[in-house]
N, C-alpha and C. Protein backbone atom coordinates (compact mmCIF):
# COMPACT_ATOMS: atom_id res chain seq x y z
N ILE A 1 -107.58 72.31 -167.18
CA ILE A 1 -107.75 72.95 -168.46
C ILE A 1 -109.21 72.95 -168.85
N ASP A 2 -109.69 74.12 -169.19
CA ASP A 2 -111.09 74.29 -169.57
C ASP A 2 -111.22 74.12 -171.10
N PHE A 3 -111.43 72.89 -171.53
CA PHE A 3 -111.50 72.62 -172.97
C PHE A 3 -112.68 73.32 -173.65
N ASP A 4 -113.80 73.45 -172.93
CA ASP A 4 -114.94 74.17 -173.49
C ASP A 4 -114.60 75.67 -173.77
N LEU A 5 -113.91 76.28 -172.83
CA LEU A 5 -113.49 77.64 -173.01
C LEU A 5 -112.51 77.78 -174.18
N ILE A 6 -111.58 76.82 -174.28
CA ILE A 6 -110.61 76.88 -175.37
C ILE A 6 -111.31 76.77 -176.71
N LEU A 7 -112.22 75.81 -176.84
CA LEU A 7 -112.95 75.64 -178.11
C LEU A 7 -113.81 76.82 -178.45
N GLU A 8 -114.47 77.41 -177.43
CA GLU A 8 -115.29 78.61 -177.64
C GLU A 8 -114.44 79.80 -178.11
N ASN A 9 -113.30 79.95 -177.44
CA ASN A 9 -112.45 81.12 -177.83
C ASN A 9 -111.80 80.92 -179.21
N ILE A 10 -111.53 79.68 -179.57
CA ILE A 10 -110.98 79.41 -180.93
C ILE A 10 -112.03 79.76 -181.96
N LYS A 11 -113.31 79.44 -181.70
CA LYS A 11 -114.37 79.82 -182.68
C LYS A 11 -114.45 81.32 -182.77
N ASP A 12 -114.39 82.05 -181.65
CA ASP A 12 -114.42 83.51 -181.65
C ASP A 12 -113.23 84.05 -182.43
N LEU A 13 -112.03 83.55 -182.19
CA LEU A 13 -110.84 84.02 -182.88
C LEU A 13 -110.94 83.76 -184.40
N ASN A 14 -111.42 82.58 -184.73
CA ASN A 14 -111.60 82.28 -186.17
C ASN A 14 -112.54 83.29 -186.86
N SER A 15 -113.61 83.63 -186.16
CA SER A 15 -114.56 84.59 -186.77
C SER A 15 -113.93 85.96 -186.91
N LEU A 16 -113.01 86.36 -185.99
CA LEU A 16 -112.33 87.63 -186.07
C LEU A 16 -111.47 87.73 -187.33
N VAL A 17 -110.86 86.63 -187.76
CA VAL A 17 -109.99 86.70 -188.92
C VAL A 17 -110.73 86.32 -190.23
N GLY A 18 -112.04 86.16 -190.12
CA GLY A 18 -112.87 85.90 -191.30
C GLY A 18 -112.83 84.48 -191.76
N GLU A 19 -113.05 83.54 -190.84
CA GLU A 19 -113.08 82.12 -191.21
C GLU A 19 -114.06 81.89 -192.38
N GLY A 20 -113.60 81.21 -193.39
CA GLY A 20 -114.46 80.90 -194.55
C GLY A 20 -114.57 82.02 -195.56
N VAL A 21 -113.89 83.15 -195.31
CA VAL A 21 -113.99 84.31 -196.21
C VAL A 21 -112.77 84.30 -197.08
N SER A 22 -112.93 84.41 -198.40
CA SER A 22 -111.82 84.41 -199.33
C SER A 22 -111.21 85.81 -199.38
N GLN A 23 -109.91 85.80 -199.68
CA GLN A 23 -109.17 87.06 -199.79
C GLN A 23 -108.71 87.22 -201.24
N ILE A 24 -108.48 88.44 -201.65
CA ILE A 24 -107.97 88.67 -203.00
C ILE A 24 -106.46 88.53 -203.00
N GLU A 25 -105.99 87.71 -203.91
CA GLU A 25 -104.54 87.52 -204.07
C GLU A 25 -104.18 87.98 -205.45
N HIS A 26 -103.30 89.00 -205.53
CA HIS A 26 -102.87 89.52 -206.82
C HIS A 26 -101.84 88.61 -207.46
N THR A 27 -101.99 88.40 -208.77
CA THR A 27 -101.10 87.53 -209.53
C THR A 27 -100.55 88.30 -210.69
N PRO A 28 -99.51 87.86 -211.37
CA PRO A 28 -98.99 88.59 -212.52
C PRO A 28 -100.03 88.76 -213.62
N ARG A 29 -101.05 87.90 -213.68
CA ARG A 29 -102.07 87.99 -214.75
C ARG A 29 -103.36 88.60 -214.26
N GLY A 30 -103.40 89.09 -213.03
CA GLY A 30 -104.62 89.67 -212.52
C GLY A 30 -104.78 89.39 -211.05
N ALA A 31 -105.86 88.74 -210.66
CA ALA A 31 -106.13 88.42 -209.27
C ALA A 31 -106.96 87.15 -209.19
N ARG A 32 -106.97 86.56 -208.01
CA ARG A 32 -107.82 85.42 -207.79
C ARG A 32 -108.22 85.40 -206.29
N LEU A 33 -109.29 84.66 -206.00
CA LEU A 33 -109.69 84.52 -204.62
C LEU A 33 -108.94 83.35 -203.98
N ARG A 34 -108.53 83.58 -202.75
CA ARG A 34 -107.75 82.58 -202.02
C ARG A 34 -108.33 82.52 -200.61
N ARG A 35 -108.50 81.28 -200.13
CA ARG A 35 -108.91 81.08 -198.73
C ARG A 35 -107.66 80.96 -197.92
N PRO A 36 -107.63 81.58 -196.78
CA PRO A 36 -106.46 81.44 -195.86
C PRO A 36 -106.25 79.97 -195.51
N GLU A 37 -104.99 79.59 -195.39
CA GLU A 37 -104.66 78.20 -194.97
C GLU A 37 -105.01 78.05 -193.51
N PRO A 38 -105.69 76.97 -193.16
CA PRO A 38 -106.00 76.72 -191.72
C PRO A 38 -104.72 76.28 -191.02
N PHE A 39 -104.73 76.49 -189.73
CA PHE A 39 -103.62 76.02 -188.86
C PHE A 39 -104.17 74.88 -188.03
N PRO A 40 -103.83 73.63 -188.39
CA PRO A 40 -104.36 72.52 -187.65
C PRO A 40 -103.66 72.31 -186.30
N PHE A 41 -104.45 71.92 -185.33
CA PHE A 41 -103.93 71.52 -184.04
C PHE A 41 -104.91 70.50 -183.45
N ALA A 42 -104.37 69.71 -182.55
CA ALA A 42 -105.15 68.70 -181.90
C ALA A 42 -104.98 68.78 -180.39
N LEU A 43 -106.08 68.70 -179.67
CA LEU A 43 -106.05 68.68 -178.23
C LEU A 43 -106.23 67.23 -177.77
N TYR A 44 -105.35 66.80 -176.92
CA TYR A 44 -105.44 65.44 -176.34
C TYR A 44 -105.57 65.52 -174.81
N GLN A 45 -105.82 64.43 -174.21
CA GLN A 45 -105.95 64.38 -172.75
C GLN A 45 -104.72 64.88 -172.04
N ASP A 46 -103.54 64.59 -172.62
CA ASP A 46 -102.30 64.95 -171.93
C ASP A 46 -101.41 65.90 -172.69
N GLY A 47 -101.94 66.51 -173.78
CA GLY A 47 -101.07 67.48 -174.51
C GLY A 47 -101.71 67.92 -175.80
N ILE A 48 -100.92 68.63 -176.64
CA ILE A 48 -101.39 69.14 -177.93
C ILE A 48 -100.37 68.83 -178.99
N VAL A 49 -100.84 68.91 -180.24
CA VAL A 49 -99.97 68.87 -181.43
C VAL A 49 -100.36 70.08 -182.26
N LEU A 50 -99.39 70.90 -182.59
CA LEU A 50 -99.62 72.09 -183.40
C LEU A 50 -99.06 71.87 -184.81
N GLY A 51 -99.92 72.04 -185.80
CA GLY A 51 -99.50 71.83 -187.14
C GLY A 51 -98.98 70.42 -187.37
N ASN A 52 -97.80 70.36 -187.99
CA ASN A 52 -97.15 69.06 -188.18
C ASN A 52 -96.06 68.83 -187.16
N GLY A 53 -96.13 69.55 -186.08
CA GLY A 53 -95.08 69.49 -185.05
C GLY A 53 -95.20 68.29 -184.15
N ALA A 54 -94.31 68.23 -183.21
CA ALA A 54 -94.27 67.12 -182.24
C ALA A 54 -95.32 67.31 -181.19
N PHE A 55 -95.62 66.24 -180.49
CA PHE A 55 -96.50 66.25 -179.35
C PHE A 55 -95.92 67.11 -178.27
N ARG A 56 -96.75 67.94 -177.67
CA ARG A 56 -96.30 68.84 -176.57
C ARG A 56 -97.18 68.58 -175.36
N PRO A 57 -96.61 68.05 -174.30
CA PRO A 57 -97.40 67.79 -173.10
C PRO A 57 -97.81 69.12 -172.41
N TYR A 58 -98.91 69.06 -171.69
CA TYR A 58 -99.48 70.24 -171.02
C TYR A 58 -98.52 70.81 -170.01
N GLN A 59 -97.59 69.99 -169.50
CA GLN A 59 -96.66 70.48 -168.47
C GLN A 59 -95.56 71.37 -169.08
N HIS A 60 -95.36 71.32 -170.37
CA HIS A 60 -94.35 72.17 -171.02
C HIS A 60 -94.73 73.64 -170.90
N PRO A 61 -93.78 74.50 -170.52
CA PRO A 61 -94.11 75.91 -170.37
C PRO A 61 -94.63 76.57 -171.66
N ALA A 62 -94.12 76.23 -172.81
CA ALA A 62 -94.60 76.79 -174.04
C ALA A 62 -96.03 76.38 -174.36
N THR A 63 -96.39 75.19 -174.00
CA THR A 63 -97.74 74.69 -174.18
C THR A 63 -98.70 75.41 -173.21
N GLN A 64 -98.26 75.60 -171.98
CA GLN A 64 -99.07 76.34 -171.03
C GLN A 64 -99.33 77.73 -171.46
N GLN A 65 -98.30 78.40 -172.04
CA GLN A 65 -98.48 79.78 -172.51
C GLN A 65 -99.42 79.81 -173.72
N TRP A 66 -99.30 78.83 -174.61
CA TRP A 66 -100.17 78.76 -175.79
C TRP A 66 -101.64 78.66 -175.36
N LEU A 67 -101.88 77.75 -174.43
CA LEU A 67 -103.27 77.53 -173.95
C LEU A 67 -103.78 78.74 -173.17
N GLN A 68 -102.92 79.33 -172.38
CA GLN A 68 -103.32 80.52 -171.60
C GLN A 68 -103.71 81.68 -172.52
N ASP A 69 -102.95 81.86 -173.60
CA ASP A 69 -103.28 82.90 -174.58
C ASP A 69 -104.67 82.68 -175.15
N ILE A 70 -104.95 81.45 -175.49
CA ILE A 70 -106.26 81.10 -176.07
C ILE A 70 -107.36 81.31 -175.02
N MET A 71 -107.13 80.87 -173.80
CA MET A 71 -108.14 80.99 -172.77
C MET A 71 -108.40 82.47 -172.40
N ASP A 72 -107.36 83.31 -172.60
CA ASP A 72 -107.54 84.74 -172.37
C ASP A 72 -108.17 85.44 -173.55
N GLY A 73 -108.42 84.72 -174.64
CA GLY A 73 -109.08 85.28 -175.81
C GLY A 73 -108.13 85.91 -176.85
N TYR A 74 -106.89 85.51 -176.80
CA TYR A 74 -105.90 86.08 -177.72
C TYR A 74 -105.36 85.00 -178.64
N PHE A 75 -104.81 85.42 -179.78
CA PHE A 75 -104.08 84.49 -180.63
C PHE A 75 -102.79 84.17 -179.87
N PRO A 76 -102.34 82.90 -179.91
CA PRO A 76 -101.12 82.56 -179.20
C PRO A 76 -99.94 83.39 -179.67
N SER A 77 -99.23 83.95 -178.68
CA SER A 77 -98.09 84.84 -178.97
C SER A 77 -97.05 84.11 -179.80
N GLU A 78 -96.94 82.80 -179.65
CA GLU A 78 -96.00 81.99 -180.37
C GLU A 78 -96.22 82.07 -181.90
N LEU A 79 -97.45 82.33 -182.30
CA LEU A 79 -97.81 82.38 -183.75
C LEU A 79 -97.82 83.75 -184.32
N GLN A 80 -97.65 84.79 -183.52
CA GLN A 80 -97.84 86.17 -184.00
C GLN A 80 -96.83 86.58 -185.07
N LEU A 81 -95.60 86.17 -184.96
CA LEU A 81 -94.63 86.54 -186.03
C LEU A 81 -94.97 85.82 -187.31
N ARG A 82 -95.34 84.58 -187.22
CA ARG A 82 -95.64 83.79 -188.41
C ARG A 82 -96.95 84.20 -189.06
N TYR A 83 -97.94 84.58 -188.24
CA TYR A 83 -99.29 84.92 -188.72
C TYR A 83 -99.68 86.25 -188.10
N PRO A 84 -99.14 87.38 -188.57
CA PRO A 84 -99.45 88.66 -187.93
C PRO A 84 -100.89 89.09 -187.99
N ASP A 85 -101.66 88.55 -188.94
CA ASP A 85 -103.06 88.93 -189.05
C ASP A 85 -104.01 87.92 -188.43
N GLY A 86 -103.43 86.97 -187.69
CA GLY A 86 -104.22 85.92 -187.10
C GLY A 86 -104.21 84.65 -187.95
N VAL A 87 -104.60 83.56 -187.39
CA VAL A 87 -104.58 82.31 -188.12
C VAL A 87 -105.88 81.54 -187.93
């Protein structure tokens, strides 16, 4: 696993969705600025943890797909339904 490539691609993907840029959220009384909620994950020597989920070893097929999507420069397909505009 190329951790340097993963971290670099995550930075690139974050910039694509406007990391640190506030969005306008309409409210019943007008509008306000809102920052997108980050999606936390942790990389470990033997696996990953996504959000508040369980530990996922690198040998698990879903983990391999998640990492491959990132290494290919794409948002993980697993997150596309939940975050259609990126996360």
